[in-house]
N, C-alpha and C. Protein backbone atom coordinates (compact mmCIF):
# COMPACT_ATOMS: atom_id res chain seq x y z
N UNK A 1 5.26 -2.09 -2.55
CA UNK A 1 4.89 -2.58 -3.85
C UNK A 1 3.63 -1.92 -4.34
N UNK A 2 3.46 -1.97 -5.61
CA UNK A 2 2.25 -1.50 -6.26
C UNK A 2 1.77 -2.65 -7.12
N UNK A 3 0.45 -2.92 -7.06
CA UNK A 3 -0.07 -4.02 -7.87
C UNK A 3 0.27 -3.80 -9.33
N UNK A 4 0.67 -4.87 -10.03
CA UNK A 4 1.01 -4.81 -11.45
C UNK A 4 -0.14 -4.20 -12.23
N UNK A 5 0.21 -3.43 -13.24
CA UNK A 5 -0.79 -2.81 -14.09
C UNK A 5 -1.30 -1.47 -13.57
N UNK A 6 -0.84 -1.06 -12.41
CA UNK A 6 -1.32 0.18 -11.82
C UNK A 6 -0.52 1.40 -12.26
N UNK A 7 0.64 1.20 -12.85
CA UNK A 7 1.48 2.32 -13.27
C UNK A 7 1.58 2.36 -14.78
N UNK A 8 1.52 3.55 -15.32
CA UNK A 8 1.74 3.74 -16.76
C UNK A 8 3.23 3.79 -17.02
N UNK A 9 3.60 3.66 -18.28
CA UNK A 9 5.02 3.71 -18.61
C UNK A 9 5.60 5.11 -18.43
N UNK A 10 4.77 6.14 -18.51
CA UNK A 10 5.26 7.49 -18.27
C UNK A 10 5.32 7.74 -16.77
N UNK A 11 5.69 8.93 -16.39
CA UNK A 11 5.77 9.24 -14.96
C UNK A 11 4.40 9.52 -14.36
N UNK A 12 3.36 9.57 -15.20
CA UNK A 12 2.01 9.79 -14.70
C UNK A 12 1.51 8.52 -14.03
N UNK A 13 0.96 8.68 -12.84
CA UNK A 13 0.48 7.55 -12.07
C UNK A 13 -1.01 7.34 -12.33
N UNK A 14 -1.40 6.13 -12.58
CA UNK A 14 -2.82 5.80 -12.78
C UNK A 14 -3.27 4.83 -11.69
N UNK A 15 -2.92 5.12 -10.46
CA UNK A 15 -3.24 4.23 -9.35
C UNK A 15 -4.74 4.02 -9.15
N UNK A 16 -5.52 5.05 -9.36
CA UNK A 16 -6.90 5.00 -8.92
C UNK A 16 -7.90 5.32 -10.01
N UNK A 17 -8.99 4.55 -10.06
CA UNK A 17 -10.12 5.00 -10.87
C UNK A 17 -10.68 6.28 -10.24
N UNK A 18 -11.22 7.13 -11.02
CA UNK A 18 -11.73 8.42 -10.54
C UNK A 18 -12.73 8.23 -9.39
N UNK A 19 -12.52 8.99 -8.33
CA UNK A 19 -13.45 8.98 -7.21
C UNK A 19 -13.23 7.92 -6.16
N UNK A 20 -12.27 7.02 -6.37
CA UNK A 20 -12.03 5.96 -5.39
C UNK A 20 -10.91 6.35 -4.45
N UNK A 21 -11.02 5.96 -3.16
CA UNK A 21 -9.92 6.26 -2.23
C UNK A 21 -8.68 5.43 -2.52
N UNK A 22 -7.55 5.90 -2.04
CA UNK A 22 -6.31 5.15 -2.10
C UNK A 22 -6.34 4.11 -0.99
N UNK A 23 -6.16 2.84 -1.34
CA UNK A 23 -6.15 1.75 -0.36
C UNK A 23 -4.71 1.33 -0.12
N UNK A 24 -4.24 1.55 1.12
CA UNK A 24 -2.85 1.27 1.46
C UNK A 24 -2.76 0.05 2.37
N UNK A 25 -2.04 -0.97 1.92
CA UNK A 25 -1.84 -2.19 2.71
C UNK A 25 -0.80 -1.93 3.79
N UNK A 26 -1.08 -2.39 5.01
CA UNK A 26 -0.16 -2.24 6.13
C UNK A 26 0.24 -3.60 6.67
N UNK A 27 1.54 -3.81 6.82
CA UNK A 27 2.09 -5.02 7.44
C UNK A 27 2.21 -4.74 8.94
N UNK A 28 1.25 -5.22 9.71
CA UNK A 28 1.21 -4.90 11.14
C UNK A 28 2.30 -5.59 11.95
N UNK A 29 2.97 -6.59 11.38
CA UNK A 29 4.01 -7.29 12.14
C UNK A 29 5.36 -6.59 12.10
N UNK A 30 5.51 -5.59 11.24
CA UNK A 30 6.78 -4.87 11.12
C UNK A 30 6.68 -3.54 11.86
N UNK A 31 7.23 -3.47 13.06
CA UNK A 31 7.15 -2.27 13.90
C UNK A 31 7.98 -1.12 13.35
N UNK A 32 8.87 -1.38 12.39
CA UNK A 32 9.58 -0.29 11.74
C UNK A 32 8.67 0.46 10.77
N UNK A 33 7.66 -0.23 10.24
CA UNK A 33 6.73 0.38 9.29
C UNK A 33 5.46 0.88 9.96
N UNK A 34 4.93 0.10 10.90
CA UNK A 34 3.71 0.45 11.61
C UNK A 34 4.03 0.35 13.09
N UNK A 35 4.19 1.49 13.73
CA UNK A 35 4.66 1.49 15.12
C UNK A 35 3.53 1.37 16.14
N UNK A 36 2.33 1.73 15.74
CA UNK A 36 1.22 1.72 16.69
C UNK A 36 -0.09 1.61 15.94
N UNK A 37 -1.03 0.84 16.48
CA UNK A 37 -2.37 0.74 15.92
C UNK A 37 -3.36 0.87 17.06
N UNK A 38 -4.32 1.78 16.90
CA UNK A 38 -5.37 1.93 17.90
C UNK A 38 -6.69 2.19 17.21
N UNK A 39 -7.77 1.79 17.84
CA UNK A 39 -9.10 2.02 17.27
C UNK A 39 -9.41 3.51 17.17
N UNK A 40 -8.96 4.26 18.16
CA UNK A 40 -9.30 5.68 18.22
C UNK A 40 -8.54 6.50 17.18
N UNK A 41 -7.26 6.22 16.99
CA UNK A 41 -6.43 7.06 16.13
C UNK A 41 -5.97 6.37 14.86
N UNK A 42 -6.29 5.12 14.66
CA UNK A 42 -5.82 4.40 13.49
C UNK A 42 -4.39 3.95 13.66
N UNK A 43 -3.63 3.92 12.59
CA UNK A 43 -2.25 3.43 12.62
C UNK A 43 -1.27 4.60 12.56
N UNK A 44 -0.11 4.40 13.20
CA UNK A 44 0.98 5.37 13.16
C UNK A 44 2.25 4.68 12.71
N UNK A 45 3.13 5.46 12.09
CA UNK A 45 4.41 4.92 11.66
C UNK A 45 4.74 5.38 10.25
N UNK A 46 5.84 4.84 9.74
CA UNK A 46 6.33 5.22 8.42
C UNK A 46 5.32 4.88 7.32
N UNK A 47 4.81 3.66 7.31
CA UNK A 47 3.89 3.24 6.24
C UNK A 47 2.60 4.06 6.22
N UNK A 48 1.92 4.23 7.36
CA UNK A 48 0.71 5.07 7.34
C UNK A 48 1.01 6.52 6.97
N UNK A 49 2.15 7.05 7.41
CA UNK A 49 2.50 8.43 7.09
C UNK A 49 2.77 8.61 5.59
N UNK A 50 3.48 7.66 4.98
CA UNK A 50 3.73 7.73 3.53
C UNK A 50 2.43 7.61 2.75
N UNK A 51 1.57 6.70 3.18
CA UNK A 51 0.27 6.52 2.51
C UNK A 51 -0.56 7.80 2.62
N UNK A 52 -0.56 8.42 3.79
CA UNK A 52 -1.32 9.66 3.99
C UNK A 52 -0.76 10.78 3.10
N UNK A 53 0.56 10.87 2.99
CA UNK A 53 1.18 11.89 2.14
C UNK A 53 0.81 11.67 0.68
N UNK A 54 0.82 10.43 0.22
CA UNK A 54 0.47 10.14 -1.17
C UNK A 54 -1.01 10.45 -1.42
N UNK A 55 -1.88 10.09 -0.49
CA UNK A 55 -3.30 10.38 -0.69
C UNK A 55 -3.55 11.89 -0.75
N UNK A 56 -2.84 12.65 0.09
CA UNK A 56 -2.96 14.12 0.03
C UNK A 56 -2.47 14.64 -1.32
N UNK A 57 -1.34 14.11 -1.79
CA UNK A 57 -0.78 14.54 -3.07
C UNK A 57 -1.75 14.23 -4.22
N UNK A 58 -2.41 13.08 -4.14
CA UNK A 58 -3.37 12.69 -5.18
C UNK A 58 -4.72 13.37 -5.00
N UNK A 59 -4.96 13.92 -3.81
CA UNK A 59 -6.24 14.57 -3.54
C UNK A 59 -7.39 13.61 -3.35
N UNK A 60 -7.10 12.44 -2.76
CA UNK A 60 -8.13 11.43 -2.54
C UNK A 60 -8.12 10.98 -1.09
N UNK A 61 -9.23 10.42 -0.61
CA UNK A 61 -9.25 9.88 0.75
C UNK A 61 -8.34 8.66 0.85
N UNK A 62 -7.98 8.31 2.09
CA UNK A 62 -7.12 7.17 2.35
C UNK A 62 -7.88 6.11 3.14
N UNK A 63 -7.72 4.85 2.73
CA UNK A 63 -8.25 3.70 3.47
C UNK A 63 -7.07 2.79 3.78
N UNK A 64 -6.83 2.53 5.06
CA UNK A 64 -5.75 1.62 5.46
C UNK A 64 -6.29 0.20 5.50
N UNK A 65 -5.55 -0.72 4.90
CA UNK A 65 -5.95 -2.13 4.82
C UNK A 65 -4.91 -2.95 5.58
N UNK A 66 -5.21 -3.36 6.82
CA UNK A 66 -4.22 -4.04 7.64
C UNK A 66 -4.07 -5.53 7.32
N UNK A 67 -2.83 -6.02 7.43
CA UNK A 67 -2.51 -7.44 7.28
C UNK A 67 -1.62 -7.86 8.44
N UNK A 68 -1.79 -9.08 8.94
CA UNK A 68 -1.03 -9.51 10.12
C UNK A 68 0.46 -9.73 9.85
N UNK A 69 0.82 -9.96 8.58
CA UNK A 69 2.22 -10.25 8.25
C UNK A 69 2.46 -9.98 6.76
N UNK A 70 3.72 -9.95 6.32
CA UNK A 70 4.00 -9.65 4.92
C UNK A 70 3.51 -10.72 3.96
N UNK A 71 3.46 -11.97 4.40
CA UNK A 71 2.96 -13.03 3.53
C UNK A 71 1.50 -12.83 3.18
N UNK A 72 0.70 -12.47 4.17
CA UNK A 72 -0.73 -12.22 3.93
C UNK A 72 -0.91 -11.01 3.01
N UNK A 73 -0.10 -9.98 3.22
CA UNK A 73 -0.16 -8.80 2.36
C UNK A 73 0.18 -9.19 0.92
N UNK A 74 1.26 -9.92 0.74
CA UNK A 74 1.68 -10.33 -0.60
C UNK A 74 0.66 -11.25 -1.25
N UNK A 75 0.11 -12.18 -0.48
CA UNK A 75 -0.87 -13.11 -1.03
C UNK A 75 -2.13 -12.40 -1.53
N UNK A 76 -2.44 -11.25 -0.94
CA UNK A 76 -3.66 -10.53 -1.33
C UNK A 76 -3.45 -9.61 -2.53
N UNK A 77 -2.23 -9.47 -3.00
CA UNK A 77 -1.94 -8.53 -4.09
C UNK A 77 -2.77 -8.80 -5.34
N UNK A 78 -2.92 -10.05 -5.71
CA UNK A 78 -3.65 -10.39 -6.93
C UNK A 78 -5.16 -10.21 -6.77
N UNK A 79 -5.64 -10.07 -5.53
CA UNK A 79 -7.08 -9.93 -5.28
C UNK A 79 -7.58 -8.51 -5.51
N UNK A 80 -6.68 -7.55 -5.62
CA UNK A 80 -7.09 -6.17 -5.82
C UNK A 80 -7.64 -5.50 -4.57
N UNK A 81 -7.25 -5.98 -3.39
CA UNK A 81 -7.74 -5.43 -2.13
C UNK A 81 -7.03 -4.15 -1.73
N UNK A 82 -5.90 -3.84 -2.34
CA UNK A 82 -5.14 -2.64 -2.00
C UNK A 82 -4.43 -2.11 -3.24
N UNK A 83 -4.00 -0.86 -3.15
CA UNK A 83 -3.33 -0.21 -4.28
C UNK A 83 -1.83 -0.06 -4.06
N UNK A 84 -1.42 0.25 -2.82
CA UNK A 84 -0.02 0.43 -2.49
C UNK A 84 0.30 -0.26 -1.17
N UNK A 85 1.57 -0.58 -0.96
CA UNK A 85 2.00 -1.16 0.30
C UNK A 85 3.52 -1.19 0.38
N UNK A 86 4.04 -1.21 1.59
CA UNK A 86 5.48 -1.35 1.81
C UNK A 86 5.77 -2.80 2.15
N UNK A 87 6.56 -3.45 1.30
CA UNK A 87 6.87 -4.87 1.48
C UNK A 87 8.20 -5.14 0.78
N UNK A 88 8.96 -6.07 1.31
CA UNK A 88 10.25 -6.41 0.72
C UNK A 88 10.12 -6.96 -0.70
N UNK A 89 11.04 -6.55 -1.56
CA UNK A 89 11.05 -7.02 -2.95
C UNK A 89 11.62 -8.43 -3.01
N UNK A 90 10.85 -9.33 -3.56
CA UNK A 90 11.27 -10.72 -3.79
C UNK A 90 10.84 -11.13 -5.19
N UNK A 91 11.62 -11.97 -5.86
CA UNK A 91 11.27 -12.37 -7.24
C UNK A 91 9.86 -12.95 -7.37
N UNK A 92 9.43 -13.77 -6.44
CA UNK A 92 8.09 -14.36 -6.53
C UNK A 92 7.01 -13.28 -6.43
N UNK A 93 7.23 -12.29 -5.59
CA UNK A 93 6.25 -11.21 -5.43
C UNK A 93 6.21 -10.32 -6.66
N UNK A 94 7.31 -10.22 -7.37
CA UNK A 94 7.38 -9.35 -8.55
C UNK A 94 6.46 -9.82 -9.67
N UNK A 95 5.93 -11.02 -9.58
CA UNK A 95 4.99 -11.51 -10.59
C UNK A 95 3.65 -10.81 -10.49
N UNK A 96 3.29 -10.31 -9.30
CA UNK A 96 1.98 -9.68 -9.11
C UNK A 96 2.06 -8.24 -8.65
N UNK A 97 3.28 -7.72 -8.36
CA UNK A 97 3.40 -6.32 -7.96
C UNK A 97 4.71 -5.75 -8.48
N UNK A 98 4.70 -4.43 -8.65
CA UNK A 98 5.89 -3.71 -9.11
C UNK A 98 6.58 -3.09 -7.89
N UNK A 99 7.89 -3.05 -7.91
CA UNK A 99 8.67 -2.50 -6.81
C UNK A 99 9.45 -1.28 -7.26
N UNK A 100 9.60 -0.32 -6.37
CA UNK A 100 10.44 0.83 -6.67
C UNK A 100 11.89 0.45 -6.40
N UNK A 101 12.80 1.23 -6.93
CA UNK A 101 14.22 0.94 -6.73
C UNK A 101 14.85 2.01 -5.89
């Protein structure tokens, strides 16, 4: 998901204010998305790899924001603590974040 208001109607992405890193929310309870977390190397898996690829494409640093479960990740969407995250699309969540198809 992407927090609501972060995407323009065109294909141009306005995820970040100038100079700010990309903050990617990670659901640590889903081993399909985050396969490993260590202090020394950070997180590994599909979600961290996609976030790293997007930050490289945007030319900005990456900050990983971990959450213990998808509920905590979704609950934090309105707080502005993260910019992108991988989470299941649900109607209630769509009130505060946009989902890709």
